[in-house]
Amino acid sequence: MDHCRPPRRGIVFILSGPSGAGKSTIWRAALTSIEGLEASISLTTRAVRSSETDEVDYHFVSDDEFKRRVQRHELAEWAQVFGACYGTPRGPLDRAVAEGRDILLDIDIQGARQLRRQYPADAVTILVMTPTFDMLEQRLRLRGTESSAAIERRLERAEEEAGAYAEYDYLLINDDLEGSLARLRAIVEAERWRVARLRQGCVPWKR
């Protein structure tokens, strides 16, 4: 982190987009290549995939545990997608914003909308899309992890999500990982220097 920056509030950076757009790949790469970004790990009730690790990719919890978290108002956002529940713990976000630390989230469009309402001055939303819809479909089919019917449901949802691009602050076309990371880094840097994020009364140029 650049120590020359004036004190400011933390930023909640939100990556969202349809399955197959590559947002999770960008999320993981950004956490290791963009200085000062911290992970927000979501809760989910879905089964662990072979490429995933509990407490790293998600906090995998039971349906009952998820319901308890919702009832205790511990989640900043949550949604049910394709039969599974997903949610973002509120505590880590509140602490990061208050302490001037930046968090990077990988959540769907429903979650992005909720977080914009929860953190209107501190959230930055970024929609990740492939250059073409055909490329998105190809990526989903190459996974080989779902039935044709399941893929069709994802494609229908992807069309809905793509149509909501105007709700986002930024559109990130993921044609290749290196280019996408470079564009994301530029977004992060620009947002960190926004005057509106400076803490009132903490400007260092007073006598």
C-alpha atoms as a PDB file:
ATOM      1  CA  MET A   1       0.000   0.000   0.000  1.00  0.00           C
ATOM      2  CA  ASP A   2       1.218   3.503  -0.881  1.00  0.00           C
ATOM      3  CA  HIS A   3       1.991   5.256   2.441  1.00  0.00           C
ATOM      4  CA  CYS A   4       1.779   8.657   0.736  1.00  0.00           C
ATOM      5  CA  ARG A   5      -1.988   8.327   0.397  1.00  0.00           C
ATOM      6  CA  PRO A   6      -4.100  10.481   2.725  1.00  0.00           C
ATOM      7  CA  PRO A   7      -6.213   8.511   5.236  1.00  0.00           C
ATOM      8  CA  ARG A   8      -9.424   7.179   3.687  1.00  0.00           C
ATOM      9  CA  ARG A   9     -12.200   4.656   4.171  1.00  0.00           C
ATOM     10  CA  GLY A  10     -11.809   1.136   2.842  1.00  0.00           C
ATOM     11  CA  ILE A  11     -13.367   0.094  -0.462  1.00  0.00           C
ATOM     12  CA  VAL A  12     -15.618  -2.886  -1.153  1.00  0.00           C
ATOM     13  CA  PHE A  13     -14.687  -3.976  -4.692  1.00  0.00           C
ATOM     14  CA  ILE A  14     -17.327  -6.294  -6.164  1.00  0.00           C
ATOM     15  CA  LEU A  15     -16.676  -8.587  -9.126  1.00  0.00           C
ATOM     16  CA  SER A  16     -19.774 -10.193 -10.573  1.00  0.00           C
ATOM     17  CA  GLY A  17     -20.856 -11.741 -13.832  1.00  0.00           C
ATOM     18  CA  PRO A  18     -22.304 -14.927 -15.271  1.00  0.00           C
ATOM     19  CA  SER A  19     -20.820 -18.375 -14.789  1.00  0.00           C
ATOM     20  CA  GLY A  20     -18.069 -18.916 -17.337  1.00  0.00           C
ATOM     21  CA  ALA A  21     -17.074 -15.250 -17.591  1.00  0.00           C
ATOM     22  CA  GLY A  22     -13.942 -15.901 -15.536  1.00  0.00           C
ATOM     23  CA  LYS A  23     -14.650 -13.672 -12.530  1.00  0.00           C
ATOM     24  CA  SER A  24     -13.424 -16.274 -10.001  1.00  0.00           C
ATOM     25  CA  THR A  25     -10.159 -16.705 -11.905  1.00  0.00           C
ATOM     26  CA  ILE A  26      -9.663 -12.933 -11.978  1.00  0.00           C
ATOM     27  CA  TRP A  27     -10.563 -12.710  -8.270  1.00  0.00           C
ATOM     28  CA  ARG A  28      -7.935 -15.264  -7.263  1.00  0.00           C
ATOM     29  CA  ALA A  29      -5.246 -13.724  -9.478  1.00  0.00           C
ATOM     30  CA  ALA A  30      -5.996 -10.174  -8.314  1.00  0.00           C
ATOM     31  CA  LEU A  31      -5.556 -11.093  -4.664  1.00  0.00           C
ATOM     32  CA  THR A  32      -1.959 -12.128  -5.325  1.00  0.00           C
ATOM     33  CA  SER A  33      -1.018  -9.508  -7.923  1.00  0.00           C
ATOM     34  CA  ILE A  34      -2.723  -6.276  -6.790  1.00  0.00           C
ATOM     35  CA  GLU A  35      -1.239  -4.950  -3.563  1.00  0.00           C
ATOM     36  CA  GLY A  36      -3.563  -4.197  -0.678  1.00  0.00           C
ATOM     37  CA  LEU A  37      -6.563  -6.262  -1.748  1.00  0.00           C
ATOM     38  CA  GLU A  38      -7.989  -8.697   0.787  1.00  0.00           C
ATOM     39  CA  ALA A  39     -10.361 -11.591   0.158  1.00  0.00           C
ATOM     40  CA  SER A  40     -13.947 -11.739   1.257  1.00  0.00           C
ATOM     41  CA  ILE A  41     -14.914 -15.395   1.441  1.00  0.00           C
ATOM     42  CA  SER A  42     -18.589 -16.126   0.931  1.00  0.00           C
ATOM     43  CA  LEU A  43     -20.745 -18.736   2.625  1.00  0.00           C
ATOM     44  CA  THR A  44     -22.520 -21.315   0.509  1.00  0.00           C
ATOM     45  CA  THR A  45     -24.683 -24.359   1.002  1.00  0.00           C
ATOM     46  CA  ARG A  46     -23.700 -26.017  -2.262  1.00  0.00           C
ATOM     47  CA  ALA A  47     -21.367 -29.006  -2.474  1.00  0.00           C
ATOM     48  CA  VAL A  48     -17.607 -28.533  -2.695  1.00  0.00           C
ATOM     49  CA  ARG A  49     -16.213 -28.909  -6.223  1.00  0.00           C
ATOM     50  CA  SER A  50     -13.069 -30.951  -6.803  1.00  0.00           C
ATOM     51  CA  SER A  51     -11.005 -27.805  -7.491  1.00  0.00           C
ATOM     52  CA  GLU A  52     -12.163 -25.992  -4.344  1.00  0.00           C
ATOM     53  CA  THR A  53     -10.983 -25.837  -0.738  1.00  0.00           C
ATOM     54  CA  ASP A  54     -13.167 -25.070   2.277  1.00  0.00           C
ATOM     55  CA  GLU A  55     -12.290 -21.754   3.996  1.00  0.00           C
ATOM     56  CA  VAL A  56     -10.319 -20.706   0.879  1.00  0.00           C
ATOM     57  CA  ASP A  57     -12.825 -20.601  -1.976  1.00  0.00           C
ATOM     58  CA  TYR A  58     -15.950 -20.602   0.210  1.00  0.00           C
ATOM     59  CA  HIS A  59     -17.097 -21.310   3.728  1.00  0.00           C
ATOM     60  CA  PHE A  60     -19.191 -24.410   3.030  1.00  0.00           C
ATOM     61  CA  VAL A  61     -22.048 -24.645   5.551  1.00  0.00           C
ATOM     62  CA  SER A  62     -25.263 -26.598   6.056  1.00  0.00           C
ATOM     63  CA  ASP A  63     -28.702 -25.218   5.184  1.00  0.00           C
ATOM     64  CA  ASP A  64     -29.509 -24.881   8.893  1.00  0.00           C
ATOM     65  CA  GLU A  65     -26.307 -22.978   9.644  1.00  0.00           C
ATOM     66  CA  PHE A  66     -26.949 -20.620   6.751  1.00  0.00           C
ATOM     67  CA  LYS A  67     -30.486 -19.918   7.993  1.00  0.00           C
ATOM     68  CA  ARG A  68     -29.129 -19.166  11.463  1.00  0.00           C
ATOM     69  CA  ARG A  69     -26.677 -16.626  10.027  1.00  0.00           C
ATOM     70  CA  VAL A  70     -29.502 -14.929   8.117  1.00  0.00           C
ATOM     71  CA  GLN A  71     -31.753 -14.804  11.196  1.00  0.00           C
ATOM     72  CA  ARG A  72     -28.935 -13.255  13.268  1.00  0.00           C
ATOM     73  CA  HIS A  73     -28.423 -10.579  10.563  1.00  0.00           C
ATOM     74  CA  GLU A  74     -24.798 -11.643  10.140  1.00  0.00           C
ATOM     75  CA  LEU A  75     -24.859 -11.457   6.331  1.00  0.00           C
ATOM     76  CA  ALA A  76     -24.498  -8.236   4.350  1.00  0.00           C
ATOM     77  CA  GLU A  77     -26.167  -9.932   1.392  1.00  0.00           C
ATOM     78  CA  TRP A  78     -27.448 -13.352   0.451  1.00  0.00           C
ATOM     79  CA  ALA A  79     -29.286 -15.051  -2.373  1.00  0.00           C
ATOM     80  CA  GLN A  80     -30.425 -18.444  -3.604  1.00  0.00           C
ATOM     81  CA  VAL A  81     -28.963 -19.399  -6.977  1.00  0.00           C
ATOM     82  CA  PHE A  82     -29.589 -22.711  -8.761  1.00  0.00           C
ATOM     83  CA  GLY A  83     -30.833 -24.357  -5.587  1.00  0.00           C
ATOM     84  CA  ALA A  84     -27.957 -23.288  -3.313  1.00  0.00           C
ATOM     85  CA  CYS A  85     -27.621 -20.305  -0.966  1.00  0.00           C
ATOM     86  CA  TYR A  86     -24.726 -17.847  -1.039  1.00  0.00           C
ATOM     87  CA  GLY A  87     -23.976 -15.010   1.359  1.00  0.00           C
ATOM     88  CA  THR A  88     -21.340 -12.493   2.467  1.00  0.00           C
ATOM     89  CA  PRO A  89     -20.452 -12.111   6.185  1.00  0.00           C
ATOM     90  CA  ARG A  90     -21.095  -8.538   7.326  1.00  0.00           C
ATOM     91  CA  GLY A  91     -18.466  -8.220  10.087  1.00  0.00           C
ATOM     92  CA  PRO A  92     -15.301  -8.404   7.921  1.00  0.00           C
ATOM     93  CA  LEU A  93     -16.695  -5.803   5.489  1.00  0.00           C
ATOM     94  CA  ASP A  94     -17.630  -3.341   8.229  1.00  0.00           C
ATOM     95  CA  ARG A  95     -14.204  -3.644   9.850  1.00  0.00           C
ATOM     96  CA  ALA A  96     -12.339  -3.249   6.559  1.00  0.00           C
ATOM     97  CA  VAL A  97     -14.232  -0.103   5.557  1.00  0.00           C
ATOM     98  CA  ALA A  98     -13.711   1.450   8.994  1.00  0.00           C
ATOM     99  CA  GLU A  99      -9.986   0.605   9.032  1.00  0.00           C
ATOM    100  CA  GLY A 100      -9.227   1.763   5.464  1.00  0.00           C
ATOM    101  CA  ARG A 101      -8.614  -1.726   4.055  1.00  0.00           C
ATOM    102  CA  ASP A 102      -9.831  -2.814   0.606  1.00  0.00           C
ATOM    103  CA  ILE A 103     -11.864  -5.995   0.131  1.00  0.00           C
ATOM    104  CA  LEU A 104     -12.423  -7.887  -3.133  1.00  0.00           C
ATOM    105  CA  LEU A 105     -15.600  -9.939  -3.490  1.00  0.00           C
ATOM    106  CA  ASP A 106     -16.714 -12.488  -6.078  1.00  0.00           C
ATOM    107  CA  ILE A 107     -20.530 -12.497  -5.958  1.00  0.00           C
ATOM    108  CA  ASP A 108     -23.500 -12.671  -8.297  1.00  0.00           C
ATOM    109  CA  ILE A 109     -25.638  -9.797  -9.548  1.00  0.00           C
ATOM    110  CA  GLN A 110     -28.236 -10.182  -6.782  1.00  0.00           C
ATOM    111  CA  GLY A 111     -25.513  -9.844  -4.153  1.00  0.00           C
ATOM    112  CA  ALA A 112     -23.987  -6.868  -5.930  1.00  0.00           C
ATOM    113  CA  ARG A 113     -27.311  -5.051  -5.812  1.00  0.00           C
ATOM    114  CA  GLN A 114     -27.721  -5.713  -2.102  1.00  0.00           C
ATOM    115  CA  LEU A 115     -24.195  -4.578  -1.273  1.00  0.00           C
ATOM    116  CA  ARG A 116     -24.647  -1.348  -3.233  1.00  0.00           C
ATOM    117  CA  ARG A 117     -27.594  -0.607  -0.941  1.00  0.00           C
ATOM    118  CA  GLN A 118     -25.670  -1.619   2.194  1.00  0.00           C
ATOM    119  CA  TYR A 119     -22.481   0.323   1.318  1.00  0.00           C
ATOM    120  CA  PRO A 120     -23.588   3.094  -1.075  1.00  0.00           C
ATOM    121  CA  ALA A 121     -20.469   5.239  -0.564  1.00  0.00           C
ATOM    122  CA  ASP A 122     -17.928   2.430  -0.289  1.00  0.00           C
ATOM    123  CA  ALA A 123     -18.873  -0.195  -2.907  1.00  0.00           C
ATOM    124  CA  VAL A 124     -17.415  -0.312  -6.422  1.00  0.00           C
ATOM    125  CA  THR A 125     -19.150  -2.741  -8.784  1.00  0.00           C
ATOM    126  CA  ILE A 126     -17.425  -4.382 -11.750  1.00  0.00           C
ATOM    127  CA  LEU A 127     -19.253  -6.621 -14.229  1.00  0.00           C
ATOM    128  CA  VAL A 128     -17.059  -9.294 -15.835  1.00  0.00           C
ATOM    129  CA  MET A 129     -18.143 -10.509 -19.280  1.00  0.00           C
ATOM    130  CA  THR A 130     -16.628 -12.482 -22.144  1.00  0.00           C
ATOM    131  CA  PRO A 131     -16.099 -10.696 -25.492  1.00  0.00           C
ATOM    132  CA  THR A 132     -19.004 -12.666 -27.020  1.00  0.00           C
ATOM    133  CA  PHE A 133     -21.896 -14.781 -25.804  1.00  0.00           C
ATOM    134  CA  ASP A 134     -20.642 -17.704 -27.920  1.00  0.00           C
ATOM    135  CA  MET A 135     -17.380 -17.678 -25.965  1.00  0.00           C
ATOM    136  CA  LEU A 136     -19.310 -17.809 -22.704  1.00  0.00           C
ATOM    137  CA  GLU A 137     -21.305 -20.815 -23.880  1.00  0.00           C
ATOM    138  CA  GLN A 138     -18.135 -22.548 -25.078  1.00  0.00           C
ATOM    139  CA  ARG A 139     -16.455 -22.095 -21.690  1.00  0.00           C
ATOM    140  CA  LEU A 140     -19.462 -23.545 -19.865  1.00  0.00           C
ATOM    141  CA  ARG A 141     -19.629 -26.595 -22.119  1.00  0.00           C
ATOM    142  CA  LEU A 142     -15.870 -27.210 -21.906  1.00  0.00           C
ATOM    143  CA  ARG A 143     -16.116 -27.500 -18.125  1.00  0.00           C
ATOM    144  CA  GLY A 144     -17.898 -30.809 -18.536  1.00  0.00           C
ATOM    145  CA  THR A 145     -19.344 -30.576 -15.032  1.00  0.00           C
ATOM    146  CA  GLU A 146     -23.040 -30.006 -15.786  1.00  0.00           C
ATOM    147  CA  SER A 147     -25.849 -31.399 -17.902  1.00  0.00           C
ATOM    148  CA  SER A 148     -27.055 -29.658 -21.051  1.00  0.00           C
ATOM    149  CA  ALA A 149     -30.197 -28.584 -19.209  1.00  0.00           C
ATOM    150  CA  ALA A 150     -28.157 -27.005 -16.408  1.00  0.00           C
ATOM    151  CA  ILE A 151     -25.981 -25.185 -18.922  1.00  0.00           C
ATOM    152  CA  GLU A 152     -29.076 -23.831 -20.663  1.00  0.00           C
ATOM    153  CA  ARG A 153     -30.334 -22.445 -17.356  1.00  0.00           C
ATOM    154  CA  ARG A 154     -26.980 -20.748 -16.812  1.00  0.00           C
ATOM    155  CA  LEU A 155     -27.045 -19.264 -20.306  1.00  0.00           C
ATOM    156  CA  GLU A 156     -30.536 -17.885 -19.780  1.00  0.00           C
ATOM    157  CA  ARG A 157     -29.403 -16.321 -16.517  1.00  0.00           C
ATOM    158  CA  ALA A 158     -26.272 -14.960 -18.230  1.00  0.00           C
ATOM    159  CA  GLU A 159     -28.432 -13.065 -20.728  1.00  0.00           C
ATOM    160  CA  GLU A 160     -30.338 -11.463 -17.842  1.00  0.00           C
ATOM    161  CA  GLU A 161     -27.109 -10.524 -16.057  1.00  0.00           C
ATOM    162  CA  ALA A 162     -25.525  -9.077 -19.194  1.00  0.00           C
ATOM    163  CA  GLY A 163     -28.606  -6.913 -19.668  1.00  0.00           C
ATOM    164  CA  ALA A 164     -27.985  -5.321 -16.267  1.00  0.00           C
ATOM    165  CA  TYR A 165     -24.555  -3.920 -17.197  1.00  0.00           C
ATOM    166  CA  ALA A 166     -25.790  -0.326 -16.863  1.00  0.00           C
ATOM    167  CA  GLU A 167     -26.207  -0.867 -13.093  1.00  0.00           C
ATOM    168  CA  TYR A 168     -22.450  -1.327 -12.678  1.00  0.00           C
ATOM    169  CA  ASP A 169     -19.669   1.203 -12.235  1.00  0.00           C
ATOM    170  CA  TYR A 170     -17.321  -0.634 -14.610  1.00  0.00           C
ATOM    171  CA  LEU A 171     -17.512  -3.217 -17.390  1.00  0.00           C
ATOM    172  CA  LEU A 172     -14.531  -5.585 -17.599  1.00  0.00           C
ATOM    173  CA  ILE A 173     -14.312  -7.613 -20.816  1.00  0.00           C
ATOM    174  CA  ASN A 174     -12.320 -10.721 -19.986  1.00  0.00           C
ATOM    175  CA  ASP A 175     -10.567 -11.615 -23.221  1.00  0.00           C
ATOM    176  CA  ASP A 176      -7.369 -12.727 -21.474  1.00  0.00           C
ATOM    177  CA  LEU A 177      -6.277 -12.854 -17.851  1.00  0.00           C
ATOM    178  CA  GLU A 178      -3.262 -10.526 -18.146  1.00  0.00           C
ATOM    179  CA  GLY A 179      -5.274  -7.799 -19.829  1.00  0.00           C
ATOM    180  CA  SER A 180      -8.163  -8.174 -17.399  1.00  0.00           C
ATOM    181  CA  LEU A 181      -5.838  -7.892 -14.399  1.00  0.00           C
ATOM    182  CA  ALA A 182      -4.248  -4.758 -15.859  1.00  0.00           C
ATOM    183  CA  ARG A 183      -7.657  -3.131 -16.315  1.00  0.00           C
ATOM    184  CA  LEU A 184      -8.764  -4.165 -12.828  1.00  0.00           C
ATOM    185  CA  ARG A 185      -5.547  -2.730 -11.356  1.00  0.00           C
ATOM    186  CA  ALA A 186      -6.277   0.592 -13.080  1.00  0.00           C
ATOM    187  CA  ILE A 187      -9.792   0.638 -11.617  1.00  0.00           C
ATOM    188  CA  VAL A 188      -8.504  -0.115  -8.122  1.00  0.00           C
ATOM    189  CA  GLU A 189      -5.848   2.598  -8.284  1.00  0.00           C
ATOM    190  CA  ALA A 190      -8.270   5.229  -9.581  1.00  0.00           C
ATOM    191  CA  GLU A 191     -10.832   4.450  -6.873  1.00  0.00           C
ATOM    192  CA  ARG A 192      -8.200   4.616  -4.129  1.00  0.00           C
ATOM    193  CA  TRP A 193      -7.402   8.201  -5.067  1.00  0.00           C
ATOM    194  CA  ARG A 194     -10.991   9.498  -5.174  1.00  0.00           C
ATOM    195  CA  VAL A 195     -11.276  12.647  -3.079  1.00  0.00           C
ATOM    196  CA  ALA A 196     -14.705  11.558  -1.818  1.00  0.00           C
ATOM    197  CA  ARG A 197     -13.040   8.661   0.047  1.00  0.00           C
ATOM    198  CA  LEU A 198     -10.768  10.867   2.172  1.00  0.00           C
ATOM    199  CA  ARG A 199     -11.560  10.926   5.866  1.00  0.00           C
ATOM    200  CA  GLN A 200     -12.957  14.260   6.937  1.00  0.00           C
ATOM    201  CA  GLY A 201     -10.528  16.222   9.081  1.00  0.00           C
ATOM    202  CA  CYS A 202      -7.567  13.969   8.214  1.00  0.00           C
ATOM    203  CA  VAL A 203      -6.156  15.886   5.231  1.00  0.00           C
ATOM    204  CA  PRO A 204      -2.368  16.162   5.849  1.00  0.00           C
ATOM    205  CA  TRP A 205      -1.816  19.564   4.186  1.00  0.00           C
ATOM    206  CA  LYS A 206      -2.943  21.774   7.055  1.00  0.00           C
ATOM    207  CA  ARG A 207      -0.506  23.811   9.177  1.00  0.00           C
END
